[in-house]
N, C-alpha and C. Protein backbone atom coordinates (compact mmCIF):
# COMPACT_ATOMS: atom_id res chain seq x y z
N UNK A 1 0.80 -1.36 -0.11
CA UNK A 1 -0.07 -0.04 -0.24
C UNK A 1 1.02 1.45 0.02
N UNK A 2 1.25 1.65 -1.36
CA UNK A 2 1.76 3.26 -1.26
C UNK A 2 0.94 3.96 -1.54
N UNK A 3 1.23 5.40 -0.52
CA UNK A 3 0.66 6.71 -0.56
C UNK A 3 0.11 6.97 -1.67
N UNK A 4 1.06 7.52 -2.42
CA UNK A 4 0.48 7.80 -3.72
C UNK A 4 -0.37 7.36 -4.52
N UNK A 5 -0.94 5.89 -4.39
CA UNK A 5 -1.76 5.40 -5.45
C UNK A 5 -3.00 5.11 -4.13
N UNK A 6 -2.86 5.56 -3.29
CA UNK A 6 -4.03 5.60 -2.41
C UNK A 6 -5.11 6.34 -2.41
N UNK A 7 -6.22 6.10 -2.57
CA UNK A 7 -7.49 6.71 -2.17
C UNK A 7 -7.86 6.97 -0.83
N UNK A 8 -7.17 7.70 0.20
CA UNK A 8 -7.41 7.77 1.54
C UNK A 8 -8.97 7.20 2.20
N UNK A 9 -9.51 8.07 1.26
CA UNK A 9 -11.10 8.21 1.78
C UNK A 9 -11.73 6.63 1.45
N UNK A 10 -11.25 6.02 0.48
CA UNK A 10 -11.90 4.85 -0.09
C UNK A 10 -11.24 4.01 1.02
N UNK A 11 -9.82 3.66 1.22
CA UNK A 11 -9.27 3.22 2.25
C UNK A 11 -9.83 3.27 3.56
N UNK A 12 -10.28 4.59 4.03
CA UNK A 12 -10.94 4.86 5.54
C UNK A 12 -12.42 4.05 5.39
N UNK A 13 -13.09 4.27 4.06
CA UNK A 13 -14.41 3.51 4.29
C UNK A 13 -14.19 2.43 4.20
N UNK A 14 -13.43 1.65 3.05
CA UNK A 14 -13.20 0.01 3.33
C UNK A 14 -12.90 -0.31 4.28
N UNK A 15 -12.15 0.13 4.87
CA UNK A 15 -11.46 -0.34 6.49
C UNK A 15 -12.42 -0.28 7.65
N UNK A 16 -13.35 0.86 7.60
CA UNK A 16 -14.36 1.31 8.50
C UNK A 16 -13.54 1.92 9.67
N UNK A 17 -12.40 2.78 9.34
CA UNK A 17 -11.41 3.43 10.31
C UNK A 17 -12.67 4.32 11.10
N UNK A 18 -12.22 4.18 12.23
CA UNK A 18 -12.90 4.82 13.43
C UNK A 18 -11.73 5.86 13.98
N UNK A 19 -11.95 7.28 14.93
CA UNK A 19 -11.05 8.19 15.56
C UNK A 19 -11.40 8.27 16.80
N UNK A 20 -10.35 8.33 17.68
CA UNK A 20 -10.71 8.86 19.14
C UNK A 20 -11.21 10.13 19.37
N UNK A 21 -12.60 11.10 19.48
CA UNK A 21 -12.84 11.89 20.04
C UNK A 21 -13.71 11.75 20.83
N UNK A 22 -13.95 11.78 22.21
CA UNK A 22 -15.27 11.32 22.89
C UNK A 22 -15.79 10.73 22.67
N UNK A 23 -14.94 9.16 22.52
CA UNK A 23 -15.77 8.25 21.96
C UNK A 23 -14.93 8.10 20.74
N UNK A 24 -15.61 7.19 19.80
CA UNK A 24 -15.08 6.99 18.06
C UNK A 24 -16.14 7.76 17.65
N UNK A 25 -15.02 8.01 16.56
CA UNK A 25 -16.33 8.83 15.41
C UNK A 25 -15.80 8.09 14.10
N UNK A 26 -16.48 8.07 13.34
CA UNK A 26 -16.32 7.45 11.46
C UNK A 26 -15.69 9.03 10.77
N UNK A 27 -14.92 8.23 9.92
CA UNK A 27 -14.52 9.45 8.93
C UNK A 27 -15.33 10.38 8.29
N UNK A 28 -16.54 10.21 8.27
CA UNK A 28 -17.36 11.40 7.64
C UNK A 28 -17.52 12.47 9.00
N UNK A 29 -17.52 11.81 10.26
CA UNK A 29 -18.06 12.82 11.57
C UNK A 29 -16.48 14.02 11.52
N UNK A 30 -15.44 13.58 10.62
CA UNK A 30 -14.42 14.21 11.20
C UNK A 30 -14.69 15.91 10.46
N UNK A 31 -15.50 15.97 9.22
CA UNK A 31 -16.05 16.72 8.69
C UNK A 31 -16.78 17.71 9.65
N UNK A 32 -17.45 17.44 10.31
CA UNK A 32 -18.31 18.29 11.39
C UNK A 32 -17.54 18.79 12.49
N UNK A 33 -16.22 18.46 12.70
CA UNK A 33 -15.21 18.93 13.76
C UNK A 33 -14.77 20.27 13.44
N UNK A 34 -14.47 21.23 14.53
CA UNK A 34 -13.71 22.79 14.03
C UNK A 34 -12.37 22.33 14.14
N UNK A 35 -11.18 23.12 13.88
CA UNK A 35 -10.17 23.27 13.15
C UNK A 35 -9.32 22.67 14.62
N UNK A 36 -10.07 23.23 15.57
CA UNK A 36 -9.06 22.68 17.04
C UNK A 36 -9.60 21.47 17.42
N UNK A 37 -10.45 20.77 17.43
CA UNK A 37 -10.87 19.52 17.62
C UNK A 37 -10.04 18.67 16.73
N UNK A 38 -9.42 19.13 15.38
CA UNK A 38 -9.29 18.05 14.36
C UNK A 38 -7.69 18.33 14.75
N UNK A 39 -7.00 19.16 15.00
CA UNK A 39 -5.84 19.52 15.66
C UNK A 39 -5.24 18.58 16.70
N UNK A 40 -6.49 18.28 17.67
CA UNK A 40 -6.12 17.70 18.87
C UNK A 40 -6.39 15.96 18.37
N UNK A 41 -7.33 15.68 17.33
CA UNK A 41 -7.05 14.00 16.65
C UNK A 41 -5.64 13.94 16.46
N UNK A 42 -5.07 14.99 15.63
CA UNK A 42 -3.84 14.87 14.54
C UNK A 42 -3.24 14.77 15.82
N UNK A 43 -2.97 15.84 16.85
CA UNK A 43 -1.64 15.26 17.76
C UNK A 43 -2.07 13.54 18.46
N UNK A 44 -2.93 13.11 18.56
CA UNK A 44 -3.19 11.92 19.37
C UNK A 44 -2.50 10.97 18.20
N UNK A 45 -2.89 11.18 16.74
CA UNK A 45 -2.59 10.39 15.76
C UNK A 45 -1.12 10.06 15.87
N UNK A 46 -0.57 11.50 15.61
CA UNK A 46 1.36 12.00 15.47
C UNK A 46 2.07 11.08 16.50
N UNK A 47 1.16 11.43 17.86
CA UNK A 47 2.11 10.46 18.95
C UNK A 47 2.18 9.52 19.31
N UNK A 48 0.62 8.96 18.43
CA UNK A 48 0.91 7.11 18.14
C UNK A 48 1.78 6.53 17.13
N UNK A 49 2.04 7.39 15.75
CA UNK A 49 2.57 7.19 15.24
C UNK A 49 4.19 7.04 15.75
N UNK A 50 4.62 8.10 16.53
CA UNK A 50 5.82 8.27 16.95
C UNK A 50 6.39 7.37 18.04
N UNK A 51 5.26 6.59 18.47
CA UNK A 51 5.74 5.85 19.59
C UNK A 51 5.59 4.52 18.80
N UNK A 52 5.17 3.95 17.72
CA UNK A 52 4.84 2.32 16.85
C UNK A 52 6.32 2.64 16.13
N UNK A 53 6.91 3.99 15.86
CA UNK A 53 8.29 3.89 15.25
C UNK A 53 9.46 3.93 15.86
N UNK A 54 8.96 4.37 17.24
CA UNK A 54 10.20 4.26 18.09
C UNK A 54 10.54 3.10 18.98
N UNK A 55 9.36 2.36 18.28
CA UNK A 55 9.42 0.78 19.06
C UNK A 55 10.02 -0.62 18.19
N UNK A 56 10.29 0.43 17.10
CA UNK A 56 11.08 -0.92 15.81
C UNK A 56 11.99 -0.24 15.14
N UNK A 57 13.21 -1.07 14.74
CA UNK A 57 14.26 -0.92 14.20
C UNK A 57 14.16 -1.09 13.11
N UNK A 58 13.48 -1.66 12.72
CA UNK A 58 12.99 -1.93 11.19
C UNK A 58 12.90 -0.59 10.24
N UNK A 59 13.27 -0.88 9.07
CA UNK A 59 12.64 0.31 8.20
C UNK A 59 11.35 0.42 7.25
N UNK A 60 10.60 -0.96 7.06
CA UNK A 60 9.65 -1.36 6.59
C UNK A 60 8.50 -1.02 7.56
N UNK A 61 7.31 -0.59 6.98
CA UNK A 61 6.34 0.31 7.92
C UNK A 61 5.47 -0.63 7.97
N UNK A 62 5.03 -1.03 9.37
CA UNK A 62 3.79 -1.91 9.62
C UNK A 62 2.69 -1.69 9.05
N UNK A 63 1.64 -2.47 8.89
CA UNK A 63 0.23 -2.09 9.12
C UNK A 63 -0.27 -0.82 9.61
N UNK A 64 0.07 -1.02 10.59
CA UNK A 64 -0.54 -0.07 11.82
C UNK A 64 -0.05 0.95 11.70
N UNK A 65 1.22 1.07 11.36
CA UNK A 65 1.93 2.62 10.59
C UNK A 65 1.32 2.86 9.44
N UNK A 66 0.97 2.20 8.45
CA UNK A 66 0.33 2.83 7.42
C UNK A 66 -1.17 3.18 7.63
N UNK A 67 -1.77 2.71 8.57
CA UNK A 67 -3.12 3.27 8.74
C UNK A 67 -2.83 4.04 9.74
N UNK A 68 -2.04 4.33 10.61
CA UNK A 68 -2.30 5.76 11.33
C UNK A 68 -1.51 7.23 10.09
N UNK A 69 -0.69 6.60 9.07
CA UNK A 69 -0.26 7.52 8.13
C UNK A 69 -1.05 8.17 7.39
N UNK A 70 -2.27 6.95 6.94
CA UNK A 70 -3.69 7.25 6.30
C UNK A 70 -4.48 8.38 7.26
N UNK A 71 -4.75 7.92 8.53
CA UNK A 71 -5.15 8.83 9.58
C UNK A 71 -4.96 9.87 9.34
N UNK A 72 -3.70 10.07 9.55
CA UNK A 72 -2.89 11.25 9.77
C UNK A 72 -3.34 12.33 8.42
N UNK A 73 -3.08 11.75 7.70
CA UNK A 73 -3.39 12.64 5.84
C UNK A 73 -4.85 12.51 5.85
N UNK A 74 -5.63 11.76 6.26
CA UNK A 74 -7.21 12.51 6.39
C UNK A 74 -7.44 13.68 7.25
N UNK A 75 -6.95 13.87 8.09
CA UNK A 75 -7.22 14.67 9.22
C UNK A 75 -6.57 15.92 8.49
N UNK A 76 -4.94 15.80 8.29
CA UNK A 76 -4.93 17.03 7.28
C UNK A 76 -5.38 18.10 6.57
N UNK A 77 -6.03 16.66 5.34
CA UNK A 77 -6.42 17.00 4.38
C UNK A 77 -8.05 17.86 4.97
N UNK A 78 -8.91 17.17 5.99
CA UNK A 78 -9.68 17.87 6.42
C UNK A 78 -10.07 19.06 6.88
N UNK A 79 -8.80 19.30 7.93
CA UNK A 79 -8.04 20.37 8.48
C UNK A 79 -7.83 22.10 7.52
N UNK A 80 -6.90 21.25 6.05
CA UNK A 80 -6.98 22.33 5.49
C UNK A 80 -7.87 22.59 4.46
N UNK A 81 -9.00 21.82 4.35
CA UNK A 81 -10.39 22.03 3.72
C UNK A 81 -10.95 23.08 4.33
N UNK A 82 -11.02 22.80 5.95
CA UNK A 82 -11.82 23.78 6.70
C UNK A 82 -11.10 25.30 6.83
N UNK A 83 -9.64 25.05 6.92
CA UNK A 83 -9.22 26.38 6.74
C UNK A 83 -9.30 27.22 5.43
N UNK A 84 -9.72 26.84 4.33
CA UNK A 84 -9.61 27.14 2.87
C UNK A 84 -11.31 27.78 3.14
N UNK A 85 -11.85 27.00 3.44
CA UNK A 85 -13.49 27.22 3.90
C UNK A 85 -13.79 28.79 4.62
N UNK A 86 -12.53 28.73 5.71
CA UNK A 86 -12.65 29.87 6.27
C UNK A 86 -12.04 30.83 6.16
N UNK A 87 -10.79 31.15 5.07
CA UNK A 87 -10.01 32.33 4.39
C UNK A 87 -11.28 32.37 3.25
N UNK A 88 -11.90 31.57 2.87
CA UNK A 88 -12.80 32.12 1.60
C UNK A 88 -13.95 32.89 2.32
N UNK A 89 -14.79 32.26 3.43
CA UNK A 89 -15.80 33.11 4.24
C UNK A 89 -15.07 34.74 4.70
N UNK A 90 -13.53 34.48 5.19
CA UNK A 90 -13.28 35.84 5.79
C UNK A 90 -13.18 36.65 4.11
N UNK A 91 -12.61 36.40 3.35
CA UNK A 91 -12.50 37.42 1.86
C UNK A 91 -14.09 37.59 1.20
N UNK A 92 -15.00 37.03 1.76
CA UNK A 92 -16.53 36.88 1.22
C UNK A 92 -16.98 38.34 2.11
N UNK A 93 -16.50 38.46 3.53
CA UNK A 93 -17.09 39.24 4.14
C UNK A 93 -16.42 40.32 3.79
N UNK A 94 -15.26 40.36 3.66
CA UNK A 94 -14.39 41.63 3.18
C UNK A 94 -14.84 42.38 1.92
N UNK A 95 -15.08 41.60 1.15
CA UNK A 95 -15.27 42.16 -0.08
C UNK A 95 -17.15 42.45 0.15
N UNK A 96 -18.08 41.90 0.83
CA UNK A 96 -19.15 42.64 0.82
C UNK A 96 -19.18 43.57 1.77
N UNK A 97 -18.38 43.63 2.68
CA UNK A 97 -18.06 45.16 3.80
C UNK A 97 -17.74 46.33 2.36
N UNK A 98 -16.59 45.75 1.52
CA UNK A 98 -15.82 47.12 0.62
C UNK A 98 -16.54 47.30 -0.30
N UNK A 99 -17.43 46.20 -0.85
CA UNK A 99 -18.82 46.76 -1.54
C UNK A 99 -19.62 47.72 -1.18
N UNK A 100 -20.12 47.22 0.30
CA UNK A 100 -21.20 48.08 1.10
C UNK A 100 -20.71 50.05 0.98
N UNK A 101 -19.27 50.00 1.79
CA UNK A 101 -18.59 51.01 1.73
C UNK A 101 -18.70 52.06 0.17
N UNK A 102 -18.32 51.09 -0.64
CA UNK A 102 -17.89 51.68 -2.30
C UNK A 102 -19.70 52.74 -2.62
N UNK A 103 -20.53 51.48 -2.05
CA UNK A 103 -21.79 51.79 -2.17
C UNK A 103 -22.15 53.04 -1.80
N UNK A 104 -21.88 53.50 -0.61
CA UNK A 104 -21.79 54.78 0.18
C UNK A 104 -21.48 55.45 -0.32
N UNK A 105 -20.44 55.66 -0.69
CA UNK A 105 -19.48 56.28 -1.19
C UNK A 105 -19.92 57.06 -2.44
N UNK A 106 -20.23 56.17 -3.56
CA UNK A 106 -20.91 56.17 -4.76
C UNK A 106 -22.35 57.53 -4.37
N UNK A 107 -22.99 56.92 -3.53
CA UNK A 107 -24.08 57.55 -2.98
C UNK A 107 -24.01 58.85 -2.86
N UNK A 108 -22.86 58.72 -1.71
CA UNK A 108 -22.70 60.74 -1.67
C UNK A 108 -22.06 61.32 -2.33
N UNK A 109 -21.58 60.89 -3.61
CA UNK A 109 -20.90 61.24 -4.64
C UNK A 109 -22.12 62.01 -5.32
N UNK A 110 -23.22 60.82 -5.44
CA UNK A 110 -24.29 61.37 -6.55
C UNK A 110 -24.73 62.92 -5.77
N UNK A 111 -25.43 62.80 -4.47
CA UNK A 111 -25.57 63.83 -4.02
C UNK A 111 -24.89 65.05 -4.03
N UNK A 112 -23.57 64.59 -3.64
CA UNK A 112 -22.59 65.91 -3.64
C UNK A 112 -22.55 66.35 -5.36
N UNK A 113 -22.76 65.66 -6.27
CA UNK A 113 -23.56 66.27 -7.73
C UNK A 113 -24.41 67.02 -8.09
N UNK A 114 -25.31 66.49 -7.00
CA UNK A 114 -26.60 66.98 -6.96
C UNK A 114 -26.65 68.50 -6.51
N UNK A 115 -26.04 68.53 -5.18
CA UNK A 115 -25.90 69.68 -4.35
C UNK A 115 -24.94 70.91 -5.31
N UNK A 116 -24.51 70.42 -6.20
CA UNK A 116 -23.43 71.59 -6.71
C UNK A 116 -24.06 71.75 -8.11
N UNK A 117 -25.49 71.77 -8.35
CA UNK A 117 -26.17 71.60 -9.57
C UNK A 117 -26.90 73.21 -9.71
N UNK A 118 -26.93 73.91 -10.34
CA UNK A 118 -27.50 75.29 -10.13
C UNK A 118 -29.01 75.13 -10.04
N UNK A 119 -29.59 76.16 -9.61
CA UNK A 119 -31.23 75.99 -9.00
C UNK A 119 -31.63 75.79 -10.88
N UNK A 120 -31.63 76.41 -11.82
CA UNK A 120 -32.38 76.15 -12.83
C UNK A 120 -31.93 75.04 -13.15
N UNK A 121 -30.47 74.08 -12.75
CA UNK A 121 -30.75 72.38 -13.54
C UNK A 121 -31.68 71.54 -12.72
N UNK A 122 -31.43 72.26 -11.38
CA UNK A 122 -32.64 71.32 -10.50
C UNK A 122 -33.96 71.38 -10.66
N UNK A 123 -34.65 72.55 -11.12
CA UNK A 123 -35.86 72.70 -11.43
C UNK A 123 -36.18 71.80 -12.85
N UNK A 124 -35.06 72.28 -13.84
CA UNK A 124 -35.09 71.37 -15.22
C UNK A 124 -35.62 70.20 -14.64
N UNK A 125 -35.01 69.09 -13.87
CA UNK A 125 -34.91 68.22 -13.47
C UNK A 125 -36.36 67.86 -12.61
N UNK A 126 -36.63 68.67 -11.80
CA UNK A 126 -37.97 68.33 -11.23
C UNK A 126 -39.30 68.20 -11.99
N UNK A 127 -38.96 69.78 -13.15
CA UNK A 127 -40.30 69.48 -14.27
C UNK A 127 -40.20 68.06 -14.91
N UNK A 128 -39.00 67.47 -15.42
CA UNK A 128 -38.91 66.53 -16.30
C UNK A 128 -39.49 65.22 -15.43
N UNK A 129 -39.53 65.33 -14.01
CA UNK A 129 -40.49 64.41 -13.38
C UNK A 129 -41.68 64.20 -13.01
N UNK A 130 -42.25 65.50 -13.80
CA UNK A 130 -43.71 65.69 -13.36
C UNK A 130 -44.23 65.55 -14.36
């Protein structure tokens, strides 16, 4: 099982991976967690991986090591997705606020243009509206 050729979510579903978080949760449950909770799971998995690697002098990865690697990659992937989603939400909010400010400035400019018109121009505009 090489990491380049593996669809980590396919493996997770076929092997019915469970993650320790307030009990056992499934892979799809990870998507409902906060980035802080995902980081907590990542730290636990990383710690487990370090322990299994420290206990062996062999360079060959055990099945447990491979499973831990896949679980870590799943958590990292979901964490990165959530980070990207948050960045998009922040950018959209900033764009909305900027657009609102520009609309207000534009309205003020239009009001200023009207204030600068002559009495005759204003009367002419009023007559056209009637």
